[in-house]
Amino acid sequence: MTRWGMTAVLAAMAVALVPGLATAQDNPKPLYNRLGGVYNIATVVDDFIERLLVDDTLNANPAIKEARGRVPKAGLKFHVTALVCEVTGGPCKYTGRPMKESHQHLNITERQWEAMVADFRKTLDKFKVPAKEQAELIAIVGSTKKDIVKASTN
């Protein structure tokens, strides 16, 4: 092959690769991978659930307090880990009840929702989850608000 022929082949290959590079940049790794996989997710969920269990704002709700007596902490952590794993693009399959069904009887208020989000942010900060990934996680959590918040008072 001549020098010009080789140059033409290399140029054609470069042009063919450019769309692939653009696609790779447009489609970053799934959030699941950027969070470090299921073990990192489980570690964050563990801390988050522990925060929720001692949150005075949440504990002031008798329905939440009663539910905590029925739902084992380990089971809750398992389900939340599976849910986060699934919704962030991981291989896990959440087998728990839908958000609306599992929260409708708790009469969660806007104030309690905000306390939960604050606890979640503290956990994400503790584990130094980058801002971009935090924003994506908060958006995912926010998408469930309509199914969780029922009461309009404190």
N, C-alpha and C. Protein backbone atom coordinates (compact mmCIF):
# COMPACT_ATOMS: atom_id res chain seq x y z
N MET A 1 0.86 -1.17 0.00
CA MET A 1 0.00 0.00 0.00
C MET A 1 0.91 1.23 0.00
N THR A 2 0.54 2.19 -0.81
CA THR A 2 1.33 3.41 -0.90
C THR A 2 1.13 4.26 0.34
N ARG A 3 1.99 5.22 0.48
CA ARG A 3 1.89 6.13 1.62
C ARG A 3 0.56 6.88 1.58
N TRP A 4 0.13 7.32 0.41
CA TRP A 4 -1.14 8.04 0.28
C TRP A 4 -2.30 7.11 0.55
N GLY A 5 -2.18 5.87 0.14
CA GLY A 5 -3.24 4.89 0.40
C GLY A 5 -3.39 4.64 1.90
N MET A 6 -2.28 4.52 2.60
CA MET A 6 -2.30 4.31 4.05
C MET A 6 -2.90 5.54 4.75
N THR A 7 -2.53 6.72 4.29
CA THR A 7 -3.07 7.95 4.86
C THR A 7 -4.58 8.00 4.68
N ALA A 8 -5.05 7.61 3.50
CA ALA A 8 -6.49 7.62 3.22
C ALA A 8 -7.22 6.63 4.12
N VAL A 9 -6.64 5.45 4.32
CA VAL A 9 -7.26 4.44 5.20
C VAL A 9 -7.32 4.96 6.63
N LEU A 10 -6.23 5.54 7.12
CA LEU A 10 -6.21 6.07 8.49
C LEU A 10 -7.20 7.22 8.65
N ALA A 11 -7.29 8.07 7.63
CA ALA A 11 -8.25 9.18 7.69
C ALA A 11 -9.68 8.65 7.73
N ALA A 12 -9.95 7.64 6.92
CA ALA A 12 -11.30 7.05 6.91
C ALA A 12 -11.62 6.42 8.26
N MET A 13 -10.64 5.75 8.86
CA MET A 13 -10.86 5.14 10.17
C MET A 13 -11.12 6.22 11.22
N ALA A 14 -10.38 7.32 11.16
CA ALA A 14 -10.56 8.40 12.13
C ALA A 14 -11.96 8.99 12.00
N VAL A 15 -12.40 9.21 10.77
CA VAL A 15 -13.75 9.76 10.56
C VAL A 15 -14.79 8.78 11.07
N ALA A 16 -14.57 7.49 10.85
CA ALA A 16 -15.52 6.48 11.31
C ALA A 16 -15.57 6.42 12.84
N LEU A 17 -14.46 6.68 13.49
CA LEU A 17 -14.41 6.61 14.96
C LEU A 17 -15.01 7.84 15.64
N VAL A 18 -14.99 8.98 14.99
CA VAL A 18 -15.47 10.21 15.62
C VAL A 18 -16.91 10.08 16.10
N PRO A 19 -17.87 9.56 15.29
CA PRO A 19 -19.23 9.40 15.83
C PRO A 19 -19.27 8.48 17.05
N GLY A 20 -18.42 7.46 17.06
CA GLY A 20 -18.37 6.56 18.21
C GLY A 20 -17.89 7.27 19.46
N LEU A 21 -16.92 8.16 19.30
CA LEU A 21 -16.43 8.93 20.44
C LEU A 21 -17.51 9.87 20.95
N ALA A 22 -18.21 10.50 20.04
CA ALA A 22 -19.29 11.41 20.46
C ALA A 22 -20.37 10.64 21.20
N THR A 23 -20.70 9.45 20.72
CA THR A 23 -21.72 8.64 21.38
C THR A 23 -21.26 8.24 22.77
N ALA A 24 -20.00 7.86 22.90
CA ALA A 24 -19.49 7.45 24.22
C ALA A 24 -19.54 8.62 25.19
N GLN A 25 -19.27 9.84 24.71
CA GLN A 25 -19.32 11.00 25.59
C GLN A 25 -20.75 11.39 25.91
N ASP A 26 -21.66 11.20 24.95
CA ASP A 26 -23.06 11.53 25.17
C ASP A 26 -23.73 10.54 26.13
N ASN A 27 -23.22 9.34 26.18
CA ASN A 27 -23.79 8.29 27.02
C ASN A 27 -22.76 7.85 28.05
N PRO A 28 -22.63 8.62 29.14
CA PRO A 28 -21.66 8.24 30.17
C PRO A 28 -22.08 6.93 30.84
N LYS A 29 -21.20 6.43 31.66
CA LYS A 29 -21.51 5.21 32.40
C LYS A 29 -22.80 5.41 33.18
N PRO A 30 -23.56 4.32 33.38
CA PRO A 30 -24.77 4.44 34.20
C PRO A 30 -24.42 4.96 35.60
N LEU A 31 -25.37 5.63 36.21
CA LEU A 31 -25.17 6.16 37.56
C LEU A 31 -24.71 5.05 38.50
N TYR A 32 -25.27 3.87 38.35
CA TYR A 32 -24.88 2.71 39.16
C TYR A 32 -23.36 2.53 39.16
N ASN A 33 -22.75 2.56 37.97
CA ASN A 33 -21.31 2.38 37.86
C ASN A 33 -20.55 3.57 38.45
N ARG A 34 -21.06 4.77 38.21
CA ARG A 34 -20.39 5.96 38.73
C ARG A 34 -20.45 6.02 40.25
N LEU A 35 -21.44 5.35 40.85
CA LEU A 35 -21.52 5.29 42.31
C LEU A 35 -20.63 4.19 42.88
N GLY A 36 -20.10 3.34 42.03
CA GLY A 36 -19.18 2.30 42.49
C GLY A 36 -19.81 0.94 42.68
N GLY A 37 -21.05 0.76 42.21
CA GLY A 37 -21.68 -0.55 42.28
C GLY A 37 -22.45 -0.79 43.56
N VAL A 38 -22.91 -2.01 43.69
CA VAL A 38 -23.85 -2.36 44.76
C VAL A 38 -23.24 -2.24 46.16
N TYR A 39 -21.96 -2.53 46.32
CA TYR A 39 -21.37 -2.46 47.66
C TYR A 39 -21.31 -1.01 48.16
N ASN A 40 -20.94 -0.10 47.28
CA ASN A 40 -20.93 1.31 47.68
C ASN A 40 -22.35 1.80 47.93
N ILE A 41 -23.28 1.39 47.09
CA ILE A 41 -24.68 1.78 47.29
C ILE A 41 -25.18 1.26 48.63
N ALA A 42 -24.88 0.00 48.94
CA ALA A 42 -25.32 -0.59 50.21
C ALA A 42 -24.73 0.15 51.41
N THR A 43 -23.49 0.58 51.30
CA THR A 43 -22.84 1.32 52.39
C THR A 43 -23.54 2.66 52.62
N VAL A 44 -23.86 3.35 51.54
CA VAL A 44 -24.55 4.64 51.65
C VAL A 44 -25.95 4.43 52.20
N VAL A 45 -26.66 3.43 51.71
CA VAL A 45 -28.02 3.14 52.20
C VAL A 45 -27.99 2.81 53.68
N ASP A 46 -27.02 2.04 54.12
CA ASP A 46 -26.90 1.68 55.53
C ASP A 46 -26.82 2.93 56.40
N ASP A 47 -25.96 3.86 56.03
CA ASP A 47 -25.81 5.10 56.78
C ASP A 47 -27.10 5.92 56.73
N PHE A 48 -27.70 6.01 55.56
CA PHE A 48 -28.93 6.78 55.38
C PHE A 48 -30.06 6.25 56.26
N ILE A 49 -30.27 4.94 56.26
CA ILE A 49 -31.34 4.35 57.07
C ILE A 49 -31.06 4.59 58.55
N GLU A 50 -29.82 4.46 58.97
CA GLU A 50 -29.47 4.72 60.37
C GLU A 50 -29.82 6.17 60.75
N ARG A 51 -29.59 7.11 59.86
CA ARG A 51 -29.95 8.51 60.12
C ARG A 51 -31.46 8.66 60.26
N LEU A 52 -32.20 8.01 59.36
CA LEU A 52 -33.66 8.12 59.40
C LEU A 52 -34.22 7.58 60.71
N LEU A 53 -33.63 6.51 61.21
CA LEU A 53 -34.15 5.87 62.42
C LEU A 53 -34.04 6.74 63.66
N VAL A 54 -33.13 7.69 63.66
CA VAL A 54 -32.96 8.56 64.83
C VAL A 54 -33.41 10.00 64.56
N ASP A 55 -34.02 10.23 63.43
CA ASP A 55 -34.47 11.58 63.08
C ASP A 55 -35.72 11.94 63.88
N ASP A 56 -35.60 12.97 64.73
CA ASP A 56 -36.71 13.37 65.60
C ASP A 56 -37.94 13.82 64.82
N THR A 57 -37.75 14.47 63.70
CA THR A 57 -38.88 14.93 62.90
C THR A 57 -39.68 13.73 62.39
N LEU A 58 -38.99 12.72 61.93
CA LEU A 58 -39.67 11.52 61.43
C LEU A 58 -40.28 10.72 62.58
N ASN A 59 -39.56 10.63 63.68
CA ASN A 59 -40.05 9.86 64.83
C ASN A 59 -41.26 10.50 65.49
N ALA A 60 -41.52 11.77 65.21
CA ALA A 60 -42.70 12.43 65.77
C ALA A 60 -43.99 11.94 65.10
N ASN A 61 -43.85 11.29 63.96
CA ASN A 61 -45.01 10.74 63.25
C ASN A 61 -45.30 9.35 63.81
N PRO A 62 -46.44 9.17 64.50
CA PRO A 62 -46.74 7.87 65.12
C PRO A 62 -46.85 6.73 64.10
N ALA A 63 -47.29 7.03 62.90
CA ALA A 63 -47.42 5.98 61.88
C ALA A 63 -46.05 5.48 61.44
N ILE A 64 -45.09 6.38 61.33
CA ILE A 64 -43.73 5.97 60.97
C ILE A 64 -43.14 5.15 62.11
N LYS A 65 -43.32 5.62 63.32
CA LYS A 65 -42.78 4.91 64.48
C LYS A 65 -43.36 3.50 64.56
N GLU A 66 -44.64 3.37 64.32
CA GLU A 66 -45.30 2.05 64.36
C GLU A 66 -44.78 1.15 63.25
N ALA A 67 -44.59 1.71 62.06
CA ALA A 67 -44.09 0.92 60.93
C ALA A 67 -42.69 0.39 61.20
N ARG A 68 -41.90 1.17 61.89
CA ARG A 68 -40.54 0.72 62.21
C ARG A 68 -40.54 -0.50 63.11
N GLY A 69 -41.58 -0.63 63.90
CA GLY A 69 -41.71 -1.82 64.75
C GLY A 69 -42.07 -3.06 63.95
N ARG A 70 -42.69 -2.87 62.80
CA ARG A 70 -43.12 -4.00 61.97
C ARG A 70 -42.10 -4.39 60.91
N VAL A 71 -41.32 -3.43 60.45
CA VAL A 71 -40.39 -3.67 59.34
C VAL A 71 -38.97 -3.78 59.90
N PRO A 72 -38.35 -4.95 59.80
CA PRO A 72 -36.99 -5.10 60.31
C PRO A 72 -36.02 -4.16 59.58
N LYS A 73 -35.12 -3.57 60.33
CA LYS A 73 -34.14 -2.63 59.78
C LYS A 73 -33.35 -3.27 58.63
N ALA A 74 -32.92 -4.49 58.81
CA ALA A 74 -32.14 -5.16 57.77
C ALA A 74 -32.95 -5.33 56.48
N GLY A 75 -34.22 -5.65 56.63
CA GLY A 75 -35.08 -5.80 55.46
C GLY A 75 -35.27 -4.49 54.72
N LEU A 76 -35.44 -3.41 55.48
CA LEU A 76 -35.59 -2.09 54.88
C LEU A 76 -34.32 -1.71 54.11
N LYS A 77 -33.17 -1.94 54.71
CA LYS A 77 -31.91 -1.64 54.04
C LYS A 77 -31.75 -2.46 52.77
N PHE A 78 -32.15 -3.72 52.82
CA PHE A 78 -32.07 -4.59 51.65
C PHE A 78 -32.92 -4.03 50.51
N HIS A 79 -34.18 -3.71 50.82
CA HIS A 79 -35.08 -3.21 49.78
C HIS A 79 -34.63 -1.86 49.21
N VAL A 80 -34.18 -0.96 50.07
CA VAL A 80 -33.73 0.35 49.59
C VAL A 80 -32.48 0.19 48.72
N THR A 81 -31.57 -0.69 49.13
CA THR A 81 -30.37 -0.95 48.33
C THR A 81 -30.76 -1.50 46.96
N ALA A 82 -31.65 -2.48 46.93
CA ALA A 82 -32.09 -3.06 45.65
C ALA A 82 -32.76 -2.01 44.77
N LEU A 83 -33.57 -1.16 45.39
CA LEU A 83 -34.27 -0.12 44.64
C LEU A 83 -33.27 0.87 44.03
N VAL A 84 -32.34 1.35 44.83
CA VAL A 84 -31.34 2.30 44.33
C VAL A 84 -30.50 1.64 43.24
N CYS A 85 -30.10 0.42 43.47
CA CYS A 85 -29.32 -0.32 42.48
C CYS A 85 -30.07 -0.39 41.15
N GLU A 86 -31.34 -0.74 41.20
CA GLU A 86 -32.14 -0.88 39.97
C GLU A 86 -32.34 0.46 39.25
N VAL A 87 -32.77 1.48 40.00
CA VAL A 87 -33.12 2.75 39.34
C VAL A 87 -31.89 3.53 38.86
N THR A 88 -30.71 3.13 39.29
CA THR A 88 -29.50 3.80 38.81
C THR A 88 -28.84 3.03 37.66
N GLY A 89 -29.51 1.98 37.19
CA GLY A 89 -29.00 1.25 36.04
C GLY A 89 -28.21 0.00 36.38
N GLY A 90 -28.29 -0.45 37.61
CA GLY A 90 -27.57 -1.65 38.02
C GLY A 90 -28.36 -2.92 37.75
N PRO A 91 -27.76 -4.06 38.08
CA PRO A 91 -28.37 -5.35 37.77
C PRO A 91 -29.40 -5.84 38.78
N CYS A 92 -29.58 -5.12 39.86
CA CYS A 92 -30.50 -5.56 40.91
C CYS A 92 -31.95 -5.44 40.46
N LYS A 93 -32.80 -6.20 41.13
CA LYS A 93 -34.24 -6.15 40.86
C LYS A 93 -34.94 -5.87 42.18
N TYR A 94 -35.62 -4.72 42.26
CA TYR A 94 -36.39 -4.36 43.45
C TYR A 94 -37.66 -5.19 43.47
N THR A 95 -37.89 -5.88 44.58
CA THR A 95 -39.07 -6.75 44.69
C THR A 95 -40.05 -6.28 45.76
N GLY A 96 -39.80 -5.10 46.29
CA GLY A 96 -40.69 -4.56 47.32
C GLY A 96 -41.95 -3.96 46.71
N ARG A 97 -42.78 -3.44 47.59
CA ARG A 97 -44.03 -2.82 47.14
C ARG A 97 -43.76 -1.48 46.46
N PRO A 98 -44.69 -1.03 45.62
CA PRO A 98 -44.54 0.29 45.01
C PRO A 98 -44.51 1.38 46.09
N MET A 99 -43.87 2.50 45.79
CA MET A 99 -43.72 3.59 46.76
C MET A 99 -45.07 4.04 47.32
N LYS A 100 -46.04 4.23 46.47
CA LYS A 100 -47.35 4.72 46.93
C LYS A 100 -47.97 3.75 47.92
N GLU A 101 -47.95 2.48 47.59
CA GLU A 101 -48.54 1.46 48.46
C GLU A 101 -47.81 1.35 49.79
N SER A 102 -46.50 1.44 49.76
CA SER A 102 -45.73 1.25 51.00
C SER A 102 -45.69 2.50 51.89
N HIS A 103 -46.13 3.65 51.37
CA HIS A 103 -46.07 4.88 52.17
C HIS A 103 -47.42 5.54 52.44
N GLN A 104 -48.46 5.11 51.75
CA GLN A 104 -49.74 5.83 51.84
C GLN A 104 -50.31 5.90 53.25
N HIS A 105 -50.10 4.89 54.05
CA HIS A 105 -50.66 4.86 55.40
C HIS A 105 -49.82 5.64 56.43
N LEU A 106 -48.68 6.15 56.00
CA LEU A 106 -47.77 6.82 56.93
C LEU A 106 -48.07 8.30 57.13
N ASN A 107 -48.91 8.87 56.29
CA ASN A 107 -49.27 10.29 56.40
C ASN A 107 -48.04 11.19 56.52
N ILE A 108 -47.11 11.00 55.63
CA ILE A 108 -45.87 11.77 55.65
C ILE A 108 -46.14 13.20 55.19
N THR A 109 -45.63 14.14 55.97
CA THR A 109 -45.84 15.56 55.68
C THR A 109 -44.69 16.12 54.85
N GLU A 110 -44.89 17.32 54.35
CA GLU A 110 -43.84 18.03 53.61
C GLU A 110 -42.61 18.22 54.51
N ARG A 111 -42.84 18.57 55.75
CA ARG A 111 -41.73 18.78 56.71
C ARG A 111 -40.94 17.48 56.91
N GLN A 112 -41.64 16.37 57.03
CA GLN A 112 -40.96 15.09 57.20
C GLN A 112 -40.21 14.70 55.93
N TRP A 113 -40.80 15.00 54.78
CA TRP A 113 -40.12 14.75 53.50
C TRP A 113 -38.80 15.54 53.46
N GLU A 114 -38.87 16.82 53.80
CA GLU A 114 -37.68 17.67 53.78
C GLU A 114 -36.62 17.16 54.77
N ALA A 115 -37.05 16.65 55.91
CA ALA A 115 -36.10 16.08 56.88
C ALA A 115 -35.40 14.86 56.28
N MET A 116 -36.17 14.04 55.58
CA MET A 116 -35.59 12.85 54.93
C MET A 116 -34.58 13.26 53.87
N VAL A 117 -34.92 14.24 53.05
CA VAL A 117 -34.01 14.71 52.01
C VAL A 117 -32.73 15.28 52.64
N ALA A 118 -32.87 16.02 53.73
CA ALA A 118 -31.70 16.56 54.42
C ALA A 118 -30.81 15.44 54.94
N ASP A 119 -31.43 14.39 55.50
CA ASP A 119 -30.65 13.24 55.97
C ASP A 119 -29.92 12.57 54.81
N PHE A 120 -30.60 12.46 53.67
CA PHE A 120 -30.00 11.84 52.49
C PHE A 120 -28.80 12.66 52.02
N ARG A 121 -28.95 13.98 51.97
CA ARG A 121 -27.84 14.84 51.55
C ARG A 121 -26.65 14.72 52.51
N LYS A 122 -26.91 14.63 53.81
CA LYS A 122 -25.83 14.46 54.79
C LYS A 122 -25.06 13.17 54.53
N THR A 123 -25.80 12.12 54.23
CA THR A 123 -25.15 10.84 53.94
C THR A 123 -24.33 10.94 52.67
N LEU A 124 -24.89 11.52 51.62
CA LEU A 124 -24.14 11.66 50.37
C LEU A 124 -22.88 12.49 50.57
N ASP A 125 -22.99 13.55 51.36
CA ASP A 125 -21.81 14.38 51.66
C ASP A 125 -20.78 13.59 52.46
N LYS A 126 -21.23 12.82 53.43
CA LYS A 126 -20.32 12.02 54.26
C LYS A 126 -19.46 11.11 53.40
N PHE A 127 -20.07 10.52 52.37
CA PHE A 127 -19.35 9.58 51.51
C PHE A 127 -18.75 10.26 50.28
N LYS A 128 -18.78 11.60 50.28
CA LYS A 128 -18.16 12.39 49.21
C LYS A 128 -18.66 12.00 47.82
N VAL A 129 -19.96 11.77 47.72
CA VAL A 129 -20.56 11.49 46.42
C VAL A 129 -20.46 12.79 45.61
N PRO A 130 -19.91 12.73 44.40
CA PRO A 130 -19.74 13.95 43.60
C PRO A 130 -21.06 14.67 43.33
N ALA A 131 -20.97 15.98 43.11
CA ALA A 131 -22.15 16.83 42.94
C ALA A 131 -23.07 16.35 41.82
N LYS A 132 -22.49 15.95 40.69
CA LYS A 132 -23.32 15.50 39.56
C LYS A 132 -24.15 14.28 39.95
N GLU A 133 -23.52 13.32 40.59
CA GLU A 133 -24.22 12.11 40.99
C GLU A 133 -25.24 12.41 42.10
N GLN A 134 -24.88 13.33 43.01
CA GLN A 134 -25.84 13.74 44.04
C GLN A 134 -27.08 14.33 43.40
N ALA A 135 -26.89 15.19 42.42
CA ALA A 135 -28.03 15.83 41.75
C ALA A 135 -28.92 14.78 41.08
N GLU A 136 -28.30 13.79 40.46
CA GLU A 136 -29.09 12.72 39.82
C GLU A 136 -29.87 11.92 40.86
N LEU A 137 -29.22 11.60 41.97
CA LEU A 137 -29.90 10.84 43.03
C LEU A 137 -31.04 11.64 43.65
N ILE A 138 -30.82 12.92 43.89
CA ILE A 138 -31.87 13.77 44.47
C ILE A 138 -33.04 13.87 43.49
N ALA A 139 -32.76 13.93 42.21
CA ALA A 139 -33.84 13.97 41.21
C ALA A 139 -34.64 12.67 41.22
N ILE A 140 -33.95 11.55 41.37
CA ILE A 140 -34.64 10.25 41.44
C ILE A 140 -35.53 10.21 42.68
N VAL A 141 -34.97 10.62 43.81
CA VAL A 141 -35.76 10.65 45.05
C VAL A 141 -36.94 11.60 44.89
N GLY A 142 -36.69 12.76 44.32
CA GLY A 142 -37.76 13.74 44.12
C GLY A 142 -38.90 13.23 43.28
N SER A 143 -38.60 12.34 42.35
CA SER A 143 -39.65 11.79 41.49
C SER A 143 -40.64 10.91 42.25
N THR A 144 -40.28 10.51 43.47
CA THR A 144 -41.17 9.66 44.28
C THR A 144 -42.04 10.47 45.24
N LYS A 145 -41.78 11.76 45.34
CA LYS A 145 -42.45 12.59 46.34
C LYS A 145 -43.97 12.51 46.25
N LYS A 146 -44.51 12.56 45.04
CA LYS A 146 -45.97 12.54 44.87
C LYS A 146 -46.60 11.26 45.42
N ASP A 147 -45.81 10.19 45.48
CA ASP A 147 -46.32 8.92 46.00
C ASP A 147 -46.10 8.76 47.50
N ILE A 148 -45.32 9.64 48.09
CA ILE A 148 -44.94 9.49 49.50
C ILE A 148 -45.57 10.54 50.39
N VAL A 149 -45.52 11.81 50.00
CA VAL A 149 -46.05 12.89 50.83
C VAL A 149 -47.57 12.94 50.68
N LYS A 150 -48.26 12.81 51.81
CA LYS A 150 -49.73 12.81 51.79
C LYS A 150 -50.32 13.92 52.63
N ALA A 151 -49.76 14.17 53.77
CA ALA A 151 -50.33 15.16 54.68
C ALA A 151 -49.73 16.53 54.38
N SER A 152 -50.52 17.56 54.58
CA SER A 152 -50.04 18.90 54.26
C SER A 152 -49.59 19.68 55.49
N THR A 153 -49.73 19.11 56.67
CA THR A 153 -49.32 19.81 57.89
C THR A 153 -48.00 19.26 58.39
N ASN A 154 -47.53 19.83 59.51
CA ASN A 154 -46.27 19.40 60.10
C ASN A 154 -46.33 17.94 60.42
